Amino acid sequence: MNAKNNLTIERFPAWLAGELKERDLSQKELADASGVSNQAICAYINADRFPTFFNLADILEALGRQESTPAGLLRRLDELEQL
């Protein structure tokens, strides 16, 4: 698996900011779509804190990512552990 494509917790803030930019979404729009507070989205982008498993799933689902299901998240975590 290409390490560049792996989403790790250390890469999450930059990844999330990039996803918003690529989709032309504001933090508030993502917050509204995901049900995660705007303050939390801002904290994630600034690396002040990291999302819970459930908030991560909600964010990924709002972004239309396949990892948003519990099975998809667990499969992704398993893939990352294999590296």
N, C-alpha and C. Protein backbone atom coordinates (compact mmCIF):
# COMPACT_ATOMS: atom_id res chain seq x y z
N MET A 1 0.84 -1.17 0.00
CA MET A 1 0.00 0.00 0.00
C MET A 1 0.89 1.24 0.00
N ASN A 2 0.51 2.23 -0.74
CA ASN A 2 1.27 3.47 -0.85
C ASN A 2 1.15 4.26 0.45
N ALA A 3 2.26 4.50 1.11
CA ALA A 3 2.25 5.20 2.40
C ALA A 3 1.67 6.60 2.27
N LYS A 4 1.82 7.22 1.12
CA LYS A 4 1.30 8.57 0.91
C LYS A 4 -0.23 8.62 1.05
N ASN A 5 -0.90 7.53 0.73
CA ASN A 5 -2.35 7.48 0.78
C ASN A 5 -2.89 7.06 2.14
N ASN A 6 -2.03 6.68 3.07
CA ASN A 6 -2.47 6.25 4.39
C ASN A 6 -2.88 7.45 5.23
N LEU A 7 -4.07 7.33 5.81
CA LEU A 7 -4.55 8.38 6.70
C LEU A 7 -4.19 7.98 8.12
N THR A 8 -3.22 8.65 8.70
CA THR A 8 -2.83 8.40 10.08
C THR A 8 -3.25 9.60 10.90
N ILE A 9 -3.29 9.44 12.20
CA ILE A 9 -3.73 10.52 13.07
C ILE A 9 -2.84 11.74 12.94
N GLU A 10 -1.55 11.53 12.69
CA GLU A 10 -0.64 12.67 12.54
C GLU A 10 -0.93 13.45 11.27
N ARG A 11 -1.43 12.77 10.27
CA ARG A 11 -1.73 13.42 8.99
C ARG A 11 -3.16 13.94 8.90
N PHE A 12 -3.97 13.61 9.88
CA PHE A 12 -5.39 13.95 9.81
C PHE A 12 -5.66 15.44 9.66
N PRO A 13 -5.02 16.34 10.43
CA PRO A 13 -5.33 17.76 10.27
C PRO A 13 -5.11 18.27 8.84
N ALA A 14 -3.98 17.96 8.25
CA ALA A 14 -3.70 18.41 6.89
C ALA A 14 -4.63 17.73 5.89
N TRP A 15 -4.91 16.46 6.11
CA TRP A 15 -5.82 15.73 5.23
C TRP A 15 -7.20 16.36 5.24
N LEU A 16 -7.72 16.65 6.45
CA LEU A 16 -9.05 17.23 6.58
C LEU A 16 -9.11 18.60 5.92
N ALA A 17 -8.11 19.43 6.16
CA ALA A 17 -8.07 20.75 5.53
C ALA A 17 -8.06 20.62 4.01
N GLY A 18 -7.29 19.65 3.51
CA GLY A 18 -7.22 19.41 2.07
C GLY A 18 -8.55 18.93 1.50
N GLU A 19 -9.24 18.08 2.23
CA GLU A 19 -10.55 17.59 1.79
C GLU A 19 -11.54 18.76 1.69
N LEU A 20 -11.51 19.64 2.67
CA LEU A 20 -12.41 20.79 2.63
C LEU A 20 -12.10 21.69 1.44
N LYS A 21 -10.83 21.95 1.22
CA LYS A 21 -10.42 22.80 0.10
C LYS A 21 -10.81 22.16 -1.23
N GLU A 22 -10.51 20.88 -1.38
CA GLU A 22 -10.80 20.16 -2.62
C GLU A 22 -12.30 20.17 -2.94
N ARG A 23 -13.12 20.09 -1.90
CA ARG A 23 -14.57 20.03 -2.08
C ARG A 23 -15.23 21.39 -1.99
N ASP A 24 -14.41 22.43 -1.76
CA ASP A 24 -14.91 23.80 -1.61
C ASP A 24 -15.98 23.87 -0.52
N LEU A 25 -15.67 23.23 0.62
CA LEU A 25 -16.56 23.22 1.78
C LEU A 25 -15.96 24.07 2.89
N SER A 26 -16.82 24.73 3.62
CA SER A 26 -16.35 25.44 4.81
C SER A 26 -16.38 24.48 6.00
N GLN A 27 -15.72 24.87 7.07
CA GLN A 27 -15.75 24.06 8.28
C GLN A 27 -17.19 23.95 8.79
N LYS A 28 -17.94 25.05 8.70
CA LYS A 28 -19.32 25.04 9.16
C LYS A 28 -20.18 24.10 8.32
N GLU A 29 -19.96 24.09 7.01
CA GLU A 29 -20.72 23.17 6.16
C GLU A 29 -20.43 21.72 6.52
N LEU A 30 -19.16 21.41 6.78
CA LEU A 30 -18.83 20.05 7.19
C LEU A 30 -19.44 19.74 8.55
N ALA A 31 -19.39 20.70 9.45
CA ALA A 31 -19.99 20.50 10.77
C ALA A 31 -21.48 20.21 10.65
N ASP A 32 -22.18 20.99 9.83
CA ASP A 32 -23.61 20.79 9.64
C ASP A 32 -23.90 19.43 9.02
N ALA A 33 -23.10 19.03 8.03
CA ALA A 33 -23.33 17.77 7.33
C ALA A 33 -22.99 16.55 8.19
N SER A 34 -22.01 16.71 9.08
CA SER A 34 -21.54 15.57 9.87
C SER A 34 -22.18 15.47 11.24
N GLY A 35 -22.70 16.57 11.73
CA GLY A 35 -23.23 16.58 13.09
C GLY A 35 -22.16 16.78 14.15
N VAL A 36 -20.93 17.01 13.70
CA VAL A 36 -19.81 17.29 14.60
C VAL A 36 -19.74 18.81 14.73
N SER A 37 -19.51 19.34 15.92
CA SER A 37 -19.54 20.78 16.11
C SER A 37 -18.48 21.50 15.28
N ASN A 38 -18.79 22.73 14.92
CA ASN A 38 -17.85 23.56 14.18
C ASN A 38 -16.57 23.77 14.98
N GLN A 39 -16.70 23.91 16.30
CA GLN A 39 -15.52 24.08 17.16
C GLN A 39 -14.63 22.85 17.11
N ALA A 40 -15.25 21.67 17.07
CA ALA A 40 -14.46 20.43 17.00
C ALA A 40 -13.74 20.32 15.66
N ILE A 41 -14.44 20.64 14.57
CA ILE A 41 -13.82 20.60 13.23
C ILE A 41 -12.61 21.53 13.21
N CYS A 42 -12.77 22.73 13.75
CA CYS A 42 -11.66 23.70 13.81
C CYS A 42 -10.50 23.14 14.63
N ALA A 43 -10.80 22.53 15.77
CA ALA A 43 -9.75 21.94 16.63
C ALA A 43 -9.03 20.81 15.92
N TYR A 44 -9.74 20.01 15.13
CA TYR A 44 -9.12 18.91 14.39
C TYR A 44 -8.16 19.46 13.33
N ILE A 45 -8.59 20.49 12.62
CA ILE A 45 -7.75 21.07 11.57
C ILE A 45 -6.50 21.72 12.16
N ASN A 46 -6.65 22.32 13.33
CA ASN A 46 -5.51 22.97 13.99
C ASN A 46 -4.67 22.01 14.82
N ALA A 47 -5.03 20.73 14.81
CA ALA A 47 -4.34 19.69 15.57
C ALA A 47 -4.34 19.98 17.08
N ASP A 48 -5.38 20.69 17.54
CA ASP A 48 -5.52 20.93 18.97
C ASP A 48 -6.08 19.69 19.67
N ARG A 49 -6.84 18.90 18.92
CA ARG A 49 -7.34 17.61 19.41
C ARG A 49 -7.67 16.75 18.21
N PHE A 50 -7.94 15.49 18.48
CA PHE A 50 -8.21 14.54 17.41
C PHE A 50 -9.60 13.95 17.61
N PRO A 51 -10.24 13.54 16.52
CA PRO A 51 -11.62 13.06 16.64
C PRO A 51 -11.73 11.70 17.32
N THR A 52 -12.86 11.51 17.96
CA THR A 52 -13.18 10.18 18.47
C THR A 52 -13.47 9.28 17.27
N PHE A 53 -13.51 8.00 17.51
CA PHE A 53 -13.85 7.03 16.48
C PHE A 53 -15.19 7.39 15.84
N PHE A 54 -16.17 7.76 16.67
CA PHE A 54 -17.51 8.07 16.16
C PHE A 54 -17.53 9.37 15.37
N ASN A 55 -16.83 10.40 15.85
CA ASN A 55 -16.77 11.65 15.10
C ASN A 55 -16.04 11.47 13.78
N LEU A 56 -14.99 10.65 13.79
CA LEU A 56 -14.27 10.37 12.56
C LEU A 56 -15.20 9.70 11.55
N ALA A 57 -15.98 8.73 12.01
CA ALA A 57 -16.92 8.06 11.11
C ALA A 57 -17.94 9.05 10.55
N ASP A 58 -18.44 9.96 11.38
CA ASP A 58 -19.41 10.96 10.91
C ASP A 58 -18.79 11.91 9.89
N ILE A 59 -17.56 12.31 10.12
CA ILE A 59 -16.86 13.20 9.18
C ILE A 59 -16.63 12.49 7.85
N LEU A 60 -16.14 11.26 7.91
CA LEU A 60 -15.88 10.51 6.69
C LEU A 60 -17.17 10.27 5.90
N GLU A 61 -18.24 9.98 6.61
CA GLU A 61 -19.53 9.78 5.94
C GLU A 61 -19.99 11.06 5.26
N ALA A 62 -19.86 12.19 5.95
CA ALA A 62 -20.26 13.47 5.37
C ALA A 62 -19.43 13.81 4.13
N LEU A 63 -18.20 13.33 4.10
CA LEU A 63 -17.33 13.56 2.94
C LEU A 63 -17.50 12.50 1.86
N GLY A 64 -18.36 11.52 2.12
CA GLY A 64 -18.62 10.47 1.14
C GLY A 64 -17.51 9.45 1.01
N ARG A 65 -16.74 9.28 2.07
CA ARG A 65 -15.62 8.33 2.05
C ARG A 65 -16.12 6.94 2.41
N GLN A 66 -15.60 5.91 1.75
CA GLN A 66 -16.03 4.53 1.99
C GLN A 66 -15.66 4.04 3.38
N GLU A 67 -14.68 4.66 4.01
CA GLU A 67 -14.25 4.22 5.33
C GLU A 67 -15.25 4.59 6.42
N SER A 68 -16.36 5.25 6.06
CA SER A 68 -17.26 5.78 7.08
C SER A 68 -18.05 4.72 7.83
N THR A 69 -18.15 3.52 7.31
CA THR A 69 -18.85 2.47 8.04
C THR A 69 -17.92 1.91 9.11
N PRO A 70 -18.47 1.35 10.17
CA PRO A 70 -17.60 0.74 11.17
C PRO A 70 -16.67 -0.31 10.57
N ALA A 71 -17.19 -1.13 9.66
CA ALA A 71 -16.34 -2.15 9.03
C ALA A 71 -15.24 -1.50 8.21
N GLY A 72 -15.57 -0.43 7.50
CA GLY A 72 -14.57 0.27 6.71
C GLY A 72 -13.49 0.90 7.57
N LEU A 73 -13.88 1.48 8.69
CA LEU A 73 -12.90 2.07 9.60
C LEU A 73 -12.00 1.00 10.20
N LEU A 74 -12.58 -0.11 10.62
CA LEU A 74 -11.77 -1.17 11.19
C LEU A 74 -10.84 -1.78 10.16
N ARG A 75 -11.32 -1.93 8.92
CA ARG A 75 -10.47 -2.44 7.85
C ARG A 75 -9.31 -1.48 7.61
N ARG A 76 -9.60 -0.18 7.62
CA ARG A 76 -8.56 0.85 7.42
C ARG A 76 -7.54 0.79 8.55
N LEU A 77 -8.01 0.66 9.80
CA LEU A 77 -7.09 0.57 10.92
C LEU A 77 -6.22 -0.67 10.81
N ASP A 78 -6.82 -1.77 10.39
CA ASP A 78 -6.07 -3.01 10.22
C ASP A 78 -5.00 -2.85 9.15
N GLU A 79 -5.33 -2.18 8.06
CA GLU A 79 -4.36 -1.93 6.98
C GLU A 79 -3.19 -1.10 7.51
N LEU A 80 -3.49 -0.09 8.31
CA LEU A 80 -2.44 0.78 8.84
C LEU A 80 -1.51 0.02 9.79
N GLU A 81 -2.08 -0.92 10.56
CA GLU A 81 -1.26 -1.71 11.48
C GLU A 81 -0.32 -2.65 10.74
N GLN A 82 -0.64 -3.01 9.51
CA GLN A 82 0.16 -3.94 8.73
C GLN A 82 1.44 -3.30 8.21
N LEU A 83 1.51 -1.99 8.24
CA LEU A 83 2.69 -1.28 7.70
C LEU A 83 3.89 -1.37 8.61
